[in-house]
Amino acid sequence: MKSIITAELEIVALGTGSTSMSGYISEAVKVIGMSGIKYRLTPMGTVIEVSSIDEAFNAARAAHEAVIKKGAKRVVMHLTIDDRRDAPKGMDEKIESVKNKI
């Protein structure tokens, strides 16, 4: 059975001199996009879909480093991982499952 891991990255850029974070978050999303990983940007984070736990950690590391490289003095990141092995479902299937019950 093919593994599908869904993870959400929430990144907070601090020490930037501004309350706006979009310039920093866009750099993180760019590196995720360049990696070829399927992702979905949301107002509060970025959801990724990967096939291994290492791929999730590597994407988080790359996003973190992109924000630092952009100039943030401090980065706070929350990483939530859903590694379901009994019935792998991607982010689209998870959303449809909820919508079908509404």
N, C-alpha and C. Protein backbone atom coordinates (compact mmCIF):
# COMPACT_ATOMS: atom_id res chain seq x y z
N MET A 1 0.85 -1.17 0.00
CA MET A 1 0.00 0.00 0.00
C MET A 1 0.90 1.24 0.00
N LYS A 2 0.64 2.15 -0.92
CA LYS A 2 1.41 3.38 -1.03
C LYS A 2 1.09 4.31 0.13
N SER A 3 2.12 4.81 0.75
CA SER A 3 1.95 5.73 1.89
C SER A 3 1.69 7.14 1.39
N ILE A 4 0.72 7.80 1.98
CA ILE A 4 0.47 9.22 1.72
C ILE A 4 0.50 9.93 3.08
N ILE A 5 1.43 10.80 3.22
CA ILE A 5 1.55 11.57 4.45
C ILE A 5 1.10 13.00 4.16
N THR A 6 0.19 13.49 4.96
CA THR A 6 -0.25 14.87 4.86
C THR A 6 0.35 15.61 6.04
N ALA A 7 0.92 16.77 5.77
CA ALA A 7 1.52 17.56 6.84
C ALA A 7 1.15 19.03 6.63
N GLU A 8 1.06 19.75 7.74
CA GLU A 8 0.80 21.17 7.67
C GLU A 8 1.94 21.92 8.34
N LEU A 9 2.45 22.91 7.62
CA LEU A 9 3.49 23.79 8.15
C LEU A 9 2.86 25.14 8.46
N GLU A 10 3.06 25.58 9.66
CA GLU A 10 2.65 26.93 10.05
C GLU A 10 3.95 27.64 10.44
N ILE A 11 4.27 28.71 9.74
CA ILE A 11 5.53 29.41 9.95
C ILE A 11 5.25 30.83 10.40
N VAL A 12 5.96 31.26 11.43
CA VAL A 12 5.87 32.63 11.93
C VAL A 12 7.26 33.23 11.84
N ALA A 13 7.39 34.29 11.06
CA ALA A 13 8.66 35.00 10.91
C ALA A 13 8.70 36.15 11.90
N LEU A 14 9.72 36.18 12.74
CA LEU A 14 9.87 37.22 13.75
C LEU A 14 11.17 37.99 13.53
N GLY A 15 11.25 39.16 14.13
CA GLY A 15 12.46 39.96 14.01
C GLY A 15 12.63 40.54 12.63
N THR A 16 11.51 40.87 12.00
CA THR A 16 11.56 41.38 10.63
C THR A 16 11.33 42.89 10.55
N GLY A 17 10.90 43.49 11.66
CA GLY A 17 10.61 44.91 11.65
C GLY A 17 9.23 45.24 11.11
N SER A 18 8.42 44.22 10.84
CA SER A 18 7.08 44.43 10.27
C SER A 18 6.13 43.38 10.82
N THR A 19 4.85 43.70 10.84
CA THR A 19 3.85 42.71 11.23
C THR A 19 3.45 41.82 10.05
N SER A 20 3.79 42.21 8.83
CA SER A 20 3.46 41.43 7.64
C SER A 20 4.44 40.26 7.50
N MET A 21 3.91 39.11 7.18
CA MET A 21 4.77 37.93 6.99
C MET A 21 4.69 37.38 5.57
N SER A 22 3.85 37.93 4.71
CA SER A 22 3.62 37.33 3.39
C SER A 22 4.89 37.23 2.55
N GLY A 23 5.78 38.19 2.64
CA GLY A 23 7.02 38.12 1.88
C GLY A 23 7.90 36.97 2.31
N TYR A 24 7.86 36.65 3.59
CA TYR A 24 8.65 35.54 4.13
C TYR A 24 7.99 34.21 3.83
N ILE A 25 6.68 34.16 4.01
CA ILE A 25 5.95 32.92 3.75
C ILE A 25 6.03 32.56 2.27
N SER A 26 5.98 33.56 1.41
CA SER A 26 6.07 33.28 -0.03
C SER A 26 7.39 32.62 -0.39
N GLU A 27 8.45 32.96 0.29
CA GLU A 27 9.74 32.31 0.04
C GLU A 27 9.70 30.84 0.46
N ALA A 28 9.06 30.56 1.58
CA ALA A 28 8.91 29.18 2.04
C ALA A 28 8.08 28.37 1.04
N VAL A 29 7.00 28.95 0.57
CA VAL A 29 6.12 28.25 -0.37
C VAL A 29 6.83 28.04 -1.71
N LYS A 30 7.65 29.00 -2.12
CA LYS A 30 8.41 28.84 -3.38
C LYS A 30 9.31 27.61 -3.34
N VAL A 31 10.03 27.42 -2.24
CA VAL A 31 10.94 26.27 -2.19
C VAL A 31 10.16 24.96 -2.13
N ILE A 32 9.00 24.97 -1.50
CA ILE A 32 8.16 23.76 -1.49
C ILE A 32 7.69 23.47 -2.91
N GLY A 33 7.23 24.50 -3.61
CA GLY A 33 6.77 24.34 -4.99
C GLY A 33 7.87 23.87 -5.92
N MET A 34 9.07 24.40 -5.76
CA MET A 34 10.19 24.01 -6.62
C MET A 34 10.60 22.55 -6.40
N SER A 35 10.26 22.00 -5.25
CA SER A 35 10.62 20.61 -4.96
C SER A 35 9.70 19.63 -5.68
N GLY A 36 8.58 20.12 -6.19
CA GLY A 36 7.63 19.24 -6.86
C GLY A 36 6.60 18.61 -5.95
N ILE A 37 6.66 18.97 -4.68
CA ILE A 37 5.71 18.43 -3.70
C ILE A 37 4.33 19.05 -3.94
N LYS A 38 3.30 18.21 -3.85
CA LYS A 38 1.93 18.72 -3.93
C LYS A 38 1.66 19.51 -2.66
N TYR A 39 1.14 20.73 -2.82
CA TYR A 39 0.86 21.56 -1.65
C TYR A 39 -0.38 22.40 -1.87
N ARG A 40 -0.92 22.89 -0.78
CA ARG A 40 -2.07 23.79 -0.82
C ARG A 40 -1.84 24.87 0.23
N LEU A 41 -1.83 26.10 -0.21
CA LEU A 41 -1.68 27.25 0.68
C LEU A 41 -3.04 27.54 1.31
N THR A 42 -3.06 27.76 2.61
CA THR A 42 -4.28 28.14 3.31
C THR A 42 -3.99 29.46 4.04
N PRO A 43 -4.99 30.13 4.57
CA PRO A 43 -4.75 31.39 5.27
C PRO A 43 -3.86 31.25 6.51
N MET A 44 -3.79 30.05 7.08
CA MET A 44 -3.05 29.87 8.33
C MET A 44 -1.86 28.93 8.22
N GLY A 45 -1.61 28.39 7.05
CA GLY A 45 -0.49 27.46 6.90
C GLY A 45 -0.44 26.91 5.50
N THR A 46 0.48 25.97 5.29
CA THR A 46 0.63 25.31 4.01
C THR A 46 0.56 23.81 4.25
N VAL A 47 -0.33 23.15 3.54
CA VAL A 47 -0.50 21.71 3.65
C VAL A 47 0.28 21.06 2.51
N ILE A 48 1.05 20.02 2.85
CA ILE A 48 1.80 19.30 1.84
C ILE A 48 1.39 17.83 1.85
N GLU A 49 1.61 17.18 0.72
CA GLU A 49 1.31 15.76 0.60
C GLU A 49 2.58 15.08 0.08
N VAL A 50 3.11 14.16 0.88
CA VAL A 50 4.38 13.51 0.55
C VAL A 50 4.26 12.01 0.74
N SER A 51 5.27 11.29 0.31
CA SER A 51 5.22 9.83 0.41
C SER A 51 6.09 9.26 1.53
N SER A 52 6.86 10.13 2.19
CA SER A 52 7.69 9.63 3.30
C SER A 52 7.85 10.70 4.37
N ILE A 53 8.13 10.25 5.57
CA ILE A 53 8.34 11.17 6.68
C ILE A 53 9.57 12.04 6.43
N ASP A 54 10.59 11.46 5.81
CA ASP A 54 11.80 12.23 5.48
C ASP A 54 11.48 13.37 4.53
N GLU A 55 10.61 13.10 3.57
CA GLU A 55 10.22 14.13 2.61
C GLU A 55 9.50 15.28 3.33
N ALA A 56 8.68 14.96 4.32
CA ALA A 56 8.00 16.00 5.10
C ALA A 56 9.00 16.83 5.89
N PHE A 57 9.94 16.16 6.56
CA PHE A 57 10.95 16.89 7.33
C PHE A 57 11.87 17.72 6.44
N ASN A 58 12.23 17.19 5.28
CA ASN A 58 13.07 17.95 4.35
C ASN A 58 12.36 19.19 3.83
N ALA A 59 11.07 19.07 3.55
CA ALA A 59 10.30 20.22 3.09
C ALA A 59 10.21 21.28 4.19
N ALA A 60 9.98 20.84 5.42
CA ALA A 60 9.92 21.77 6.55
C ALA A 60 11.26 22.47 6.74
N ARG A 61 12.34 21.72 6.65
CA ARG A 61 13.69 22.30 6.80
C ARG A 61 13.96 23.33 5.70
N ALA A 62 13.62 22.99 4.46
CA ALA A 62 13.84 23.91 3.34
C ALA A 62 13.02 25.19 3.51
N ALA A 63 11.77 25.05 3.95
CA ALA A 63 10.92 26.22 4.17
C ALA A 63 11.49 27.10 5.28
N HIS A 64 11.93 26.48 6.36
CA HIS A 64 12.54 27.19 7.48
C HIS A 64 13.76 27.98 7.01
N GLU A 65 14.64 27.33 6.28
CA GLU A 65 15.86 27.97 5.80
C GLU A 65 15.56 29.11 4.83
N ALA A 66 14.51 28.97 4.02
CA ALA A 66 14.14 30.03 3.09
C ALA A 66 13.72 31.30 3.82
N VAL A 67 13.01 31.13 4.94
CA VAL A 67 12.57 32.28 5.74
C VAL A 67 13.77 32.95 6.41
N ILE A 68 14.70 32.15 6.91
CA ILE A 68 15.92 32.70 7.50
C ILE A 68 16.73 33.45 6.44
N LYS A 69 16.87 32.83 5.27
CA LYS A 69 17.64 33.44 4.18
C LYS A 69 17.03 34.77 3.74
N LYS A 70 15.71 34.88 3.82
CA LYS A 70 15.01 36.11 3.46
C LYS A 70 15.31 37.23 4.46
N GLY A 71 15.75 36.86 5.68
CA GLY A 71 16.14 37.89 6.64
C GLY A 71 15.46 37.84 7.99
N ALA A 72 14.57 36.88 8.20
CA ALA A 72 13.93 36.77 9.52
C ALA A 72 14.99 36.45 10.57
N LYS A 73 14.91 37.13 11.69
CA LYS A 73 15.87 36.90 12.78
C LYS A 73 15.47 35.69 13.64
N ARG A 74 14.20 35.33 13.55
CA ARG A 74 13.68 34.22 14.35
C ARG A 74 12.53 33.58 13.59
N VAL A 75 12.47 32.26 13.61
CA VAL A 75 11.39 31.53 12.94
C VAL A 75 10.77 30.56 13.91
N VAL A 76 9.46 30.61 14.03
CA VAL A 76 8.71 29.65 14.82
C VAL A 76 7.91 28.81 13.83
N MET A 77 8.06 27.49 13.91
CA MET A 77 7.36 26.63 12.98
C MET A 77 6.61 25.54 13.75
N HIS A 78 5.38 25.34 13.34
CA HIS A 78 4.57 24.24 13.85
C HIS A 78 4.43 23.26 12.70
N LEU A 79 4.73 22.01 12.95
CA LEU A 79 4.61 20.97 11.94
C LEU A 79 3.67 19.90 12.47
N THR A 80 2.58 19.70 11.77
CA THR A 80 1.60 18.67 12.12
C THR A 80 1.63 17.62 11.03
N ILE A 81 1.81 16.36 11.43
CA ILE A 81 1.93 15.27 10.46
C ILE A 81 0.82 14.24 10.68
N ASP A 82 0.16 13.88 9.59
CA ASP A 82 -0.84 12.81 9.60
C ASP A 82 -0.27 11.67 8.77
N ASP A 83 0.22 10.64 9.44
CA ASP A 83 0.82 9.48 8.78
C ASP A 83 -0.09 8.29 9.01
N ARG A 84 -1.14 8.21 8.24
CA ARG A 84 -2.13 7.14 8.38
C ARG A 84 -1.74 5.97 7.48
N ARG A 85 -1.55 4.81 8.06
CA ARG A 85 -1.05 3.66 7.30
C ARG A 85 -2.15 2.66 6.93
N ASP A 86 -3.31 2.72 7.59
CA ASP A 86 -4.35 1.73 7.31
C ASP A 86 -5.13 2.02 6.04
N ALA A 87 -5.32 3.29 5.72
CA ALA A 87 -6.07 3.68 4.52
C ALA A 87 -5.53 5.02 4.04
N PRO A 88 -4.42 4.99 3.31
CA PRO A 88 -3.82 6.26 2.89
C PRO A 88 -4.76 7.08 2.02
N LYS A 89 -4.96 8.31 2.43
CA LYS A 89 -5.82 9.23 1.69
C LYS A 89 -5.11 10.56 1.59
N GLY A 90 -5.19 11.15 0.41
CA GLY A 90 -4.58 12.45 0.19
C GLY A 90 -5.45 13.57 0.72
N MET A 91 -4.94 14.78 0.62
CA MET A 91 -5.66 15.93 1.17
C MET A 91 -7.01 16.13 0.48
N ASP A 92 -7.09 15.89 -0.83
CA ASP A 92 -8.36 16.06 -1.53
C ASP A 92 -9.41 15.06 -1.03
N GLU A 93 -8.99 13.82 -0.82
CA GLU A 93 -9.92 12.80 -0.33
C GLU A 93 -10.41 13.11 1.09
N LYS A 94 -9.53 13.65 1.90
CA LYS A 94 -9.91 14.01 3.27
C LYS A 94 -10.96 15.13 3.27
N ILE A 95 -10.78 16.10 2.40
CA ILE A 95 -11.74 17.21 2.30
C ILE A 95 -13.08 16.68 1.79
N GLU A 96 -13.04 15.84 0.76
CA GLU A 96 -14.28 15.29 0.22
C GLU A 96 -15.02 14.46 1.25
N SER A 97 -14.31 13.73 2.06
CA SER A 97 -14.95 12.92 3.10
C SER A 97 -15.76 13.77 4.05
N VAL A 98 -15.22 14.92 4.42
CA VAL A 98 -15.94 15.83 5.32
C VAL A 98 -17.12 16.48 4.58
N LYS A 99 -16.88 16.94 3.36
CA LYS A 99 -17.95 17.59 2.59
C LYS A 99 -19.13 16.66 2.38
N ASN A 100 -18.86 15.40 2.17
CA ASN A 100 -19.94 14.42 1.95
C ASN A 100 -20.78 14.21 3.20
N LYS A 101 -20.28 14.60 4.34
CA LYS A 101 -21.03 14.41 5.59
C LYS A 101 -21.75 15.68 6.04
N ILE A 102 -21.54 16.76 5.32
CA ILE A 102 -22.18 18.05 5.70
C ILE A 102 -23.62 18.06 5.20
